[in-house]
């Protein structure tokens, strides 16, 4: 099951074959944010507290485009290859 903190591999899109960790889930829409993946530019208006400008941030991906990485299996495959 894919949940926050899980390691995943991206299957499709501009970030195909990259790996990352899930930082946020939207279960109702079946979407997830992955750290450092699917970065988009967002124009932020200046306020009293924050400076404005163009900010890069992660956007949601559909969970069908993600594959869960099992660390135990990955380590076993590396041992078998040696």
PDB file of N, CA and C in Angstrom:
ATOM      1  N   UNK A   1       0.837  -1.185   0.000  1.00  0.00           N
ATOM      2  CA  UNK A   1       0.000   0.000   0.000  1.00  0.00           C
ATOM      3  C   UNK A   1       0.883   1.250   0.000  1.00  0.00           C
ATOM      4  N   UNK A   2       0.554   2.182  -0.831  1.00  0.00           N
ATOM      5  CA  UNK A   2       1.302   3.430  -0.915  1.00  0.00           C
ATOM      6  C   UNK A   2       0.799   4.372   0.170  1.00  0.00           C
ATOM      7  N   UNK A   3       1.732   4.898   0.985  1.00  0.00           N
ATOM      8  CA  UNK A   3       1.366   5.838   2.035  1.00  0.00           C
ATOM      9  C   UNK A   3       2.497   6.838   2.230  1.00  0.00           C
ATOM     10  N   UNK A   4       2.246   7.844   3.049  1.00  0.00           N
ATOM     11  CA  UNK A   4       3.233   8.900   3.297  1.00  0.00           C
ATOM     12  C   UNK A   4       4.518   8.286   3.848  1.00  0.00           C
ATOM     13  N   UNK A   5       5.652   8.690   3.269  1.00  0.00           N
ATOM     14  CA  UNK A   5       6.941   8.176   3.706  1.00  0.00           C
ATOM     15  C   UNK A   5       7.428   6.987   2.890  1.00  0.00           C
ATOM     16  N   UNK A   6       6.586   6.420   2.031  1.00  0.00           N
ATOM     17  CA  UNK A   6       6.970   5.274   1.200  1.00  0.00           C
ATOM     18  C   UNK A   6       7.906   5.714   0.079  1.00  0.00           C
ATOM     19  N   UNK A   7       8.816   4.822  -0.297  1.00  0.00           N
ATOM     20  CA  UNK A   7       9.694   5.049  -1.443  1.00  0.00           C
ATOM     21  C   UNK A   7       8.975   4.549  -2.681  1.00  0.00           C
ATOM     22  N   UNK A   8       8.944   5.384  -3.730  1.00  0.00           N
ATOM     23  CA  UNK A   8       8.253   5.011  -4.967  1.00  0.00           C
ATOM     24  C   UNK A   8       9.125   5.313  -6.175  1.00  0.00           C
ATOM     25  N   UNK A   9       8.797   4.635  -7.286  1.00  0.00           N
ATOM     26  CA  UNK A   9       9.447   4.872  -8.576  1.00  0.00           C
ATOM     27  C   UNK A   9       8.386   5.418  -9.511  1.00  0.00           C
ATOM     28  N   UNK A  10       8.740   6.429 -10.311  1.00  0.00           N
ATOM     29  CA  UNK A  10       7.814   7.047 -11.248  1.00  0.00           C
ATOM     30  C   UNK A  10       7.811   6.217 -12.534  1.00  0.00           C
ATOM     31  N   UNK A  11       6.617   5.844 -13.014  1.00  0.00           N
ATOM     32  CA  UNK A  11       6.489   4.981 -14.185  1.00  0.00           C
ATOM     33  C   UNK A  11       6.291   5.743 -15.485  1.00  0.00           C
ATOM     34  N   UNK A  12       5.647   6.922 -15.437  1.00  0.00           N
ATOM     35  CA  UNK A  12       5.359   7.668 -16.666  1.00  0.00           C
ATOM     36  C   UNK A  12       5.633   9.149 -16.463  1.00  0.00           C
ATOM     37  N   UNK A  13       5.663   9.889 -17.570  1.00  0.00           N
ATOM     38  CA  UNK A  13       5.803  11.337 -17.511  1.00  0.00           C
ATOM     39  C   UNK A  13       7.233  11.801 -17.659  1.00  0.00           C
ATOM     40  N   UNK A  14       7.426  13.091 -17.446  1.00  0.00           N
ATOM     41  CA  UNK A  14       8.749  13.691 -17.650  1.00  0.00           C
ATOM     42  C   UNK A  14       9.779  13.212 -16.634  1.00  0.00           C
ATOM     43  N   UNK A  15       9.339  12.697 -15.499  1.00  0.00           N
ATOM     44  CA  UNK A  15      10.253  12.221 -14.454  1.00  0.00           C
ATOM     45  C   UNK A  15      10.317  10.694 -14.396  1.00  0.00           C
ATOM     46  N   UNK A  16      10.058  10.030 -15.527  1.00  0.00           N
ATOM     47  CA  UNK A  16      10.053   8.565 -15.591  1.00  0.00           C
ATOM     48  C   UNK A  16      11.365   7.977 -15.082  1.00  0.00           C
ATOM     49  N   UNK A  17      11.272   6.868 -14.347  1.00  0.00           N
ATOM     50  CA  UNK A  17      12.401   6.103 -13.796  1.00  0.00           C
ATOM     51  C   UNK A  17      13.108   6.799 -12.639  1.00  0.00           C
ATOM     52  N   UNK A  18      12.620   7.927 -12.175  1.00  0.00           N
ATOM     53  CA  UNK A  18      13.197   8.568 -10.992  1.00  0.00           C
ATOM     54  C   UNK A  18      12.542   7.983  -9.753  1.00  0.00           C
ATOM     55  N   UNK A  19      13.245   8.103  -8.633  1.00  0.00           N
ATOM     56  CA  UNK A  19      12.729   7.584  -7.375  1.00  0.00           C
ATOM     57  C   UNK A  19      12.629   8.711  -6.366  1.00  0.00           C
ATOM     58  N   UNK A  20      11.666   8.591  -5.458  1.00  0.00           N
ATOM     59  CA  UNK A  20      11.494   9.599  -4.429  1.00  0.00           C
ATOM     60  C   UNK A  20      10.612   9.109  -3.301  1.00  0.00           C
ATOM     61  N   UNK A  21      10.407   9.976  -2.328  1.00  0.00           N
ATOM     62  CA  UNK A  21       9.616   9.649  -1.149  1.00  0.00           C
ATOM     63  C   UNK A  21       8.326  10.457  -1.157  1.00  0.00           C
ATOM     64  N   UNK A  22       7.221   9.818  -0.793  1.00  0.00           N
ATOM     65  CA  UNK A  22       5.932  10.498  -0.760  1.00  0.00           C
ATOM     66  C   UNK A  22       5.891  11.446   0.433  1.00  0.00           C
ATOM     67  N   UNK A  23       5.529  12.722   0.156  1.00  0.00           N
ATOM     68  CA  UNK A  23       5.461  13.716   1.222  1.00  0.00           C
ATOM     69  C   UNK A  23       4.025  14.113   1.566  1.00  0.00           C
ATOM     70  N   UNK A  24       3.081  13.815   0.664  1.00  0.00           N
ATOM     71  CA  UNK A  24       1.680  14.169   0.910  1.00  0.00           C
ATOM     72  C   UNK A  24       0.779  13.272   0.078  1.00  0.00           C
ATOM     73  N   UNK A  25      -0.373  12.900   0.654  1.00  0.00           N
ATOM     74  CA  UNK A  25      -1.343  12.049  -0.058  1.00  0.00           C
ATOM     75  C   UNK A  25      -2.693  12.754  -0.129  1.00  0.00           C
ATOM     76  N   UNK A  26      -3.398  12.540  -1.252  1.00  0.00           N
ATOM     77  CA  UNK A  26      -4.775  13.000  -1.416  1.00  0.00           C
ATOM     78  C   UNK A  26      -5.587  11.763  -1.789  1.00  0.00           C
ATOM     79  N   UNK A  27      -6.060  11.049  -0.774  1.00  0.00           N
ATOM     80  CA  UNK A  27      -6.732   9.762  -0.983  1.00  0.00           C
ATOM     81  C   UNK A  27      -8.038   9.899  -1.765  1.00  0.00           C
ATOM     82  N   UNK A  28      -8.782  10.984  -1.558  1.00  0.00           N
ATOM     83  CA  UNK A  28     -10.069  11.132  -2.245  1.00  0.00           C
ATOM     84  C   UNK A  28      -9.907  11.227  -3.759  1.00  0.00           C
ATOM     85  N   UNK A  29      -8.815  11.821  -4.218  1.00  0.00           N
ATOM     86  CA  UNK A  29      -8.557  11.950  -5.656  1.00  0.00           C
ATOM     87  C   UNK A  29      -7.495  10.975  -6.155  1.00  0.00           C
ATOM     88  N   UNK A  30      -7.017  10.087  -5.281  1.00  0.00           N
ATOM     89  CA  UNK A  30      -5.989   9.087  -5.609  1.00  0.00           C
ATOM     90  C   UNK A  30      -4.734   9.734  -6.173  1.00  0.00           C
ATOM     91  N   UNK A  31      -4.216  10.733  -5.470  1.00  0.00           N
ATOM     92  CA  UNK A  31      -3.027  11.452  -5.914  1.00  0.00           C
ATOM     93  C   UNK A  31      -2.011  11.555  -4.778  1.00  0.00           C
ATOM     94  N   UNK A  32      -0.738  11.735  -5.160  1.00  0.00           N
ATOM     95  CA  UNK A  32       0.334  11.837  -4.181  1.00  0.00           C
ATOM     96  C   UNK A  32       1.376  12.847  -4.647  1.00  0.00           C
ATOM     97  N   UNK A  33       2.036  13.504  -3.677  1.00  0.00           N
ATOM     98  CA  UNK A  33       3.168  14.377  -3.975  1.00  0.00           C
ATOM     99  C   UNK A  33       4.437  13.623  -3.614  1.00  0.00           C
ATOM    100  N   UNK A  34       5.407  13.644  -4.541  1.00  0.00           N
ATOM    101  CA  UNK A  34       6.671  12.957  -4.326  1.00  0.00           C
ATOM    102  C   UNK A  34       7.773  14.012  -4.245  1.00  0.00           C
ATOM    103  N   UNK A  35       8.646  13.871  -3.254  1.00  0.00           N
ATOM    104  CA  UNK A  35       9.704  14.852  -3.010  1.00  0.00           C
ATOM    105  C   UNK A  35      10.641  14.969  -4.216  1.00  0.00           C
ATOM    106  N   UNK A  36      10.737  16.198  -4.777  1.00  0.00           N
ATOM    107  CA  UNK A  36      11.640  16.484  -5.879  1.00  0.00           C
ATOM    108  C   UNK A  36      11.153  16.042  -7.250  1.00  0.00           C
ATOM    109  N   UNK A  37       9.907  15.560  -7.340  1.00  0.00           N
ATOM    110  CA  UNK A  37       9.362  15.049  -8.602  1.00  0.00           C
ATOM    111  C   UNK A  37       8.177  15.912  -9.035  1.00  0.00           C
ATOM    112  N   UNK A  38       7.992  16.086 -10.347  1.00  0.00           N
ATOM    113  CA  UNK A  38       6.893  16.855 -10.926  1.00  0.00           C
ATOM    114  C   UNK A  38       6.886  18.302 -10.408  1.00  0.00           C
ATOM    115  N   UNK A  39       8.051  18.945 -10.493  1.00  0.00           N
ATOM    116  CA  UNK A  39       8.177  20.327 -10.032  1.00  0.00           C
ATOM    117  C   UNK A  39       7.498  21.279 -11.012  1.00  0.00           C
ATOM    118  N   UNK A  40       6.738  22.224 -10.479  1.00  0.00           N
ATOM    119  CA  UNK A  40       6.079  23.244 -11.284  1.00  0.00           C
ATOM    120  C   UNK A  40       6.458  24.615 -10.735  1.00  0.00           C
ATOM    121  N   UNK A  41       6.393  25.626 -11.588  1.00  0.00           N
ATOM    122  CA  UNK A  41       6.675  27.005 -11.182  1.00  0.00           C
ATOM    123  C   UNK A  41       5.373  27.652 -10.727  1.00  0.00           C
ATOM    124  N   UNK A  42       5.410  28.320  -9.583  1.00  0.00           N
ATOM    125  CA  UNK A  42       4.226  28.987  -9.045  1.00  0.00           C
ATOM    126  C   UNK A  42       4.589  30.444  -8.783  1.00  0.00           C
ATOM    127  N   UNK A  43       3.779  31.338  -9.289  1.00  0.00           N
ATOM    128  CA  UNK A  43       3.999  32.762  -9.061  1.00  0.00           C
ATOM    129  C   UNK A  43       3.312  33.137  -7.746  1.00  0.00           C
ATOM    130  N   UNK A  44       4.115  33.660  -6.806  1.00  0.00           N
ATOM    131  CA  UNK A  44       3.615  33.987  -5.471  1.00  0.00           C
ATOM    132  C   UNK A  44       3.614  35.498  -5.297  1.00  0.00           C
ATOM    133  N   UNK A  45       2.499  36.024  -4.836  1.00  0.00           N
ATOM    134  CA  UNK A  45       2.370  37.453  -4.624  1.00  0.00           C
ATOM    135  C   UNK A  45       3.044  37.851  -3.308  1.00  0.00           C
ATOM    136  N   UNK A  46       3.647  39.025  -3.275  1.00  0.00           N
ATOM    137  CA  UNK A  46       4.312  39.521  -2.080  1.00  0.00           C
ATOM    138  C   UNK A  46       3.281  39.898  -1.013  1.00  0.00           C
ATOM    139  N   UNK A  47       3.565  39.485   0.226  1.00  0.00           N
ATOM    140  CA  UNK A  47       2.724  39.859   1.367  1.00  0.00           C
ATOM    141  C   UNK A  47       3.609  40.495   2.419  1.00  0.00           C
ATOM    142  N   UNK A  48       3.019  40.897   3.533  1.00  0.00           N
ATOM    143  CA  UNK A  48       3.807  41.500   4.609  1.00  0.00           C
ATOM    144  C   UNK A  48       4.778  40.485   5.209  1.00  0.00           C
ATOM    145  N   UNK A  49       4.352  39.214   5.275  1.00  0.00           N
ATOM    146  CA  UNK A  49       5.194  38.187   5.888  1.00  0.00           C
ATOM    147  C   UNK A  49       6.222  37.592   4.926  1.00  0.00           C
ATOM    148  N   UNK A  50       5.818  37.386   3.645  1.00  0.00           N
ATOM    149  CA  UNK A  50       6.675  36.682   2.698  1.00  0.00           C
ATOM    150  C   UNK A  50       6.991  37.530   1.476  1.00  0.00           C
ATOM    151  N   UNK A  51       8.187  37.273   0.942  1.00  0.00           N
ATOM    152  CA  UNK A  51       8.586  37.901  -0.303  1.00  0.00           C
ATOM    153  C   UNK A  51       7.977  37.105  -1.456  1.00  0.00           C
ATOM    154  N   UNK A  52       7.545  37.771  -2.493  1.00  0.00           N
ATOM    155  CA  UNK A  52       6.944  37.108  -3.648  1.00  0.00           C
ATOM    156  C   UNK A  52       7.985  36.641  -4.639  1.00  0.00           C
ATOM    157  N   UNK A  53       7.520  36.165  -5.767  1.00  0.00           N
ATOM    158  CA  UNK A  53       8.417  35.716  -6.820  1.00  0.00           C
ATOM    159  C   UNK A  53       7.950  34.407  -7.411  1.00  0.00           C
ATOM    160  N   UNK A  54       8.830  33.782  -8.169  1.00  0.00           N
ATOM    161  CA  UNK A  54       8.523  32.505  -8.800  1.00  0.00           C
ATOM    162  C   UNK A  54       9.142  31.399  -7.951  1.00  0.00           C
ATOM    163  N   UNK A  55       8.292  30.474  -7.495  1.00  0.00           N
ATOM    164  CA  UNK A  55       8.720  29.408  -6.599  1.00  0.00           C
ATOM    165  C   UNK A  55       8.491  28.059  -7.277  1.00  0.00           C
ATOM    166  N   UNK A  56       9.469  27.145  -7.159  1.00  0.00           N
ATOM    167  CA  UNK A  56       9.285  25.776  -7.645  1.00  0.00           C
ATOM    168  C   UNK A  56       8.745  24.927  -6.509  1.00  0.00           C
ATOM    169  N   UNK A  57       7.702  24.143  -6.803  1.00  0.00           N
ATOM    170  CA  UNK A  57       7.159  23.254  -5.789  1.00  0.00           C
ATOM    171  C   UNK A  57       6.634  21.990  -6.447  1.00  0.00           C
ATOM    172  N   UNK A  58       6.474  20.933  -5.635  1.00  0.00           N
ATOM    173  CA  UNK A  58       5.975  19.663  -6.147  1.00  0.00           C
ATOM    174  C   UNK A  58       4.483  19.751  -6.420  1.00  0.00           C
ATOM    175  N   UNK A  59       4.052  19.049  -7.460  1.00  0.00           N
ATOM    176  CA  UNK A  59       2.635  18.964  -7.776  1.00  0.00           C
ATOM    177  C   UNK A  59       2.210  17.504  -7.632  1.00  0.00           C
ATOM    178  N   UNK A  60       0.898  17.264  -7.560  1.00  0.00           N
ATOM    179  CA  UNK A  60       0.398  15.917  -7.365  1.00  0.00           C
ATOM    180  C   UNK A  60       0.554  15.056  -8.616  1.00  0.00           C
ATOM    181  N   UNK A  61       0.767  13.751  -8.402  1.00  0.00           N
ATOM    182  CA  UNK A  61       0.783  12.729  -9.448  1.00  0.00           C
ATOM    183  C   UNK A  61      -0.293  11.704  -9.122  1.00  0.00           C
ATOM    184  N   UNK A  62      -0.882  11.096 -10.138  1.00  0.00           N
ATOM    185  CA  UNK A  62      -1.856  10.037  -9.887  1.00  0.00           C
ATOM    186  C   UNK A  62      -1.108   8.784  -9.424  1.00  0.00           C
ATOM    187  N   UNK A  63      -1.684   8.070  -8.441  1.00  0.00           N
ATOM    188  CA  UNK A  63      -0.965   6.929  -7.863  1.00  0.00           C
ATOM    189  C   UNK A  63      -0.796   5.771  -8.854  1.00  0.00           C
ATOM    190  N   UNK A  64      -1.559   5.769  -9.951  1.00  0.00           N
ATOM    191  CA  UNK A  64      -1.375   4.718 -10.957  1.00  0.00           C
ATOM    192  C   UNK A  64      -0.045   4.893 -11.691  1.00  0.00           C
ATOM    193  N   UNK A  65       0.565   6.070 -11.594  1.00  0.00           N
ATOM    194  CA  UNK A  65       1.852   6.339 -12.233  1.00  0.00           C
ATOM    195  C   UNK A  65       3.028   6.078 -11.304  1.00  0.00           C
ATOM    196  N   UNK A  66       2.756   5.501 -10.131  1.00  0.00           N
ATOM    197  CA  UNK A  66       3.785   5.224  -9.141  1.00  0.00           C
ATOM    198  C   UNK A  66       3.895   3.733  -8.894  1.00  0.00           C
ATOM    199  N   UNK A  67       5.096   3.278  -8.570  1.00  0.00           N
ATOM    200  CA  UNK A  67       5.332   1.891  -8.206  1.00  0.00           C
ATOM    201  C   UNK A  67       6.065   1.867  -6.880  1.00  0.00           C
ATOM    202  N   UNK A  68       5.562   1.102  -5.936  1.00  0.00           N
ATOM    203  CA  UNK A  68       6.156   1.010  -4.607  1.00  0.00           C
ATOM    204  C   UNK A  68       7.488   0.269  -4.691  1.00  0.00           C
ATOM    205  N   UNK A  69       8.522   0.798  -4.036  1.00  0.00           N
ATOM    206  CA  UNK A  69       9.836   0.158  -4.005  1.00  0.00           C
ATOM    207  C   UNK A  69       9.971  -0.536  -2.658  1.00  0.00           C
ATOM    208  N   UNK A  70      10.214  -1.837  -2.693  1.00  0.00           N
ATOM    209  CA  UNK A  70      10.419  -2.589  -1.467  1.00  0.00           C
ATOM    210  C   UNK A  70      11.922  -2.690  -1.232  1.00  0.00           C
ATOM    211  N   UNK A  71      12.413  -2.047  -0.189  1.00  0.00           N
ATOM    212  CA  UNK A  71      13.854  -1.984   0.078  1.00  0.00           C
ATOM    213  C   UNK A  71      14.445  -3.371   0.343  1.00  0.00           C
ATOM    214  N   UNK A  72      13.693  -4.264   0.977  1.00  0.00           N
ATOM    215  CA  UNK A  72      14.207  -5.604   1.286  1.00  0.00           C
ATOM    216  C   UNK A  72      14.489  -6.378   0.007  1.00  0.00           C
ATOM    217  N   UNK A  73      13.563  -6.319  -0.955  1.00  0.00           N
ATOM    218  CA  UNK A  73      13.731  -7.036  -2.218  1.00  0.00           C
ATOM    219  C   UNK A  73      14.890  -6.441  -3.012  1.00  0.00           C
ATOM    220  N   UNK A  74      15.028  -5.116  -2.974  1.00  0.00           N
ATOM    221  CA  UNK A  74      16.106  -4.445  -3.701  1.00  0.00           C
ATOM    222  C   UNK A  74      17.475  -4.914  -3.186  1.00  0.00           C
ATOM    223  N   UNK A  75      17.628  -5.024  -1.868  1.00  0.00           N
ATOM    224  CA  UNK A  75      18.879  -5.470  -1.275  1.00  0.00           C
ATOM    225  C   UNK A  75      19.177  -6.928  -1.639  1.00  0.00           C
ATOM    226  N   UNK A  76      18.143  -7.773  -1.667  1.00  0.00           N
ATOM    227  CA  UNK A  76      18.317  -9.165  -2.017  1.00  0.00           C
ATOM    228  C   UNK A  76      18.788  -9.303  -3.459  1.00  0.00           C
ATOM    229  N   UNK A  77      18.240  -8.491  -4.360  1.00  0.00           N
ATOM    230  CA  UNK A  77      18.635  -8.527  -5.769  1.00  0.00           C
ATOM    231  C   UNK A  77      20.086  -8.100  -5.933  1.00  0.00           C
ATOM    232  N   UNK A  78      20.524  -7.098  -5.148  1.00  0.00           N
ATOM    233  CA  UNK A  78      21.910  -6.623  -5.230  1.00  0.00           C
ATOM    234  C   UNK A  78      22.866  -7.708  -4.757  1.00  0.00           C
ATOM    235  N   UNK A  79      22.500  -8.450  -3.708  1.00  0.00           N
ATOM    236  CA  UNK A  79      23.348  -9.539  -3.211  1.00  0.00           C
ATOM    237  C   UNK A  79      23.438 -10.650  -4.243  1.00  0.00           C
ATOM    238  N   UNK A  80      22.324 -10.979  -4.893  1.00  0.00           N
ATOM    239  CA  UNK A  80      22.293 -12.049  -5.890  1.00  0.00           C
ATOM    240  C   UNK A  80      23.131 -11.682  -7.112  1.00  0.00           C
ATOM    241  N   UNK A  81      23.193 -10.402  -7.450  1.00  0.00           N
ATOM    242  CA  UNK A  81      23.961  -9.952  -8.616  1.00  0.00           C
ATOM    243  C   UNK A  81      25.459 -10.046  -8.390  1.00  0.00           C
ATOM    244  N   UNK A  82      25.881 -10.006  -7.135  1.00  0.00           N
ATOM    245  CA  UNK A  82      27.330 -10.054  -6.825  1.00  0.00           C
ATOM    246  C   UNK A  82      27.839 -11.431  -6.889  1.00  0.00           C
TER     247      UNK A  82
END
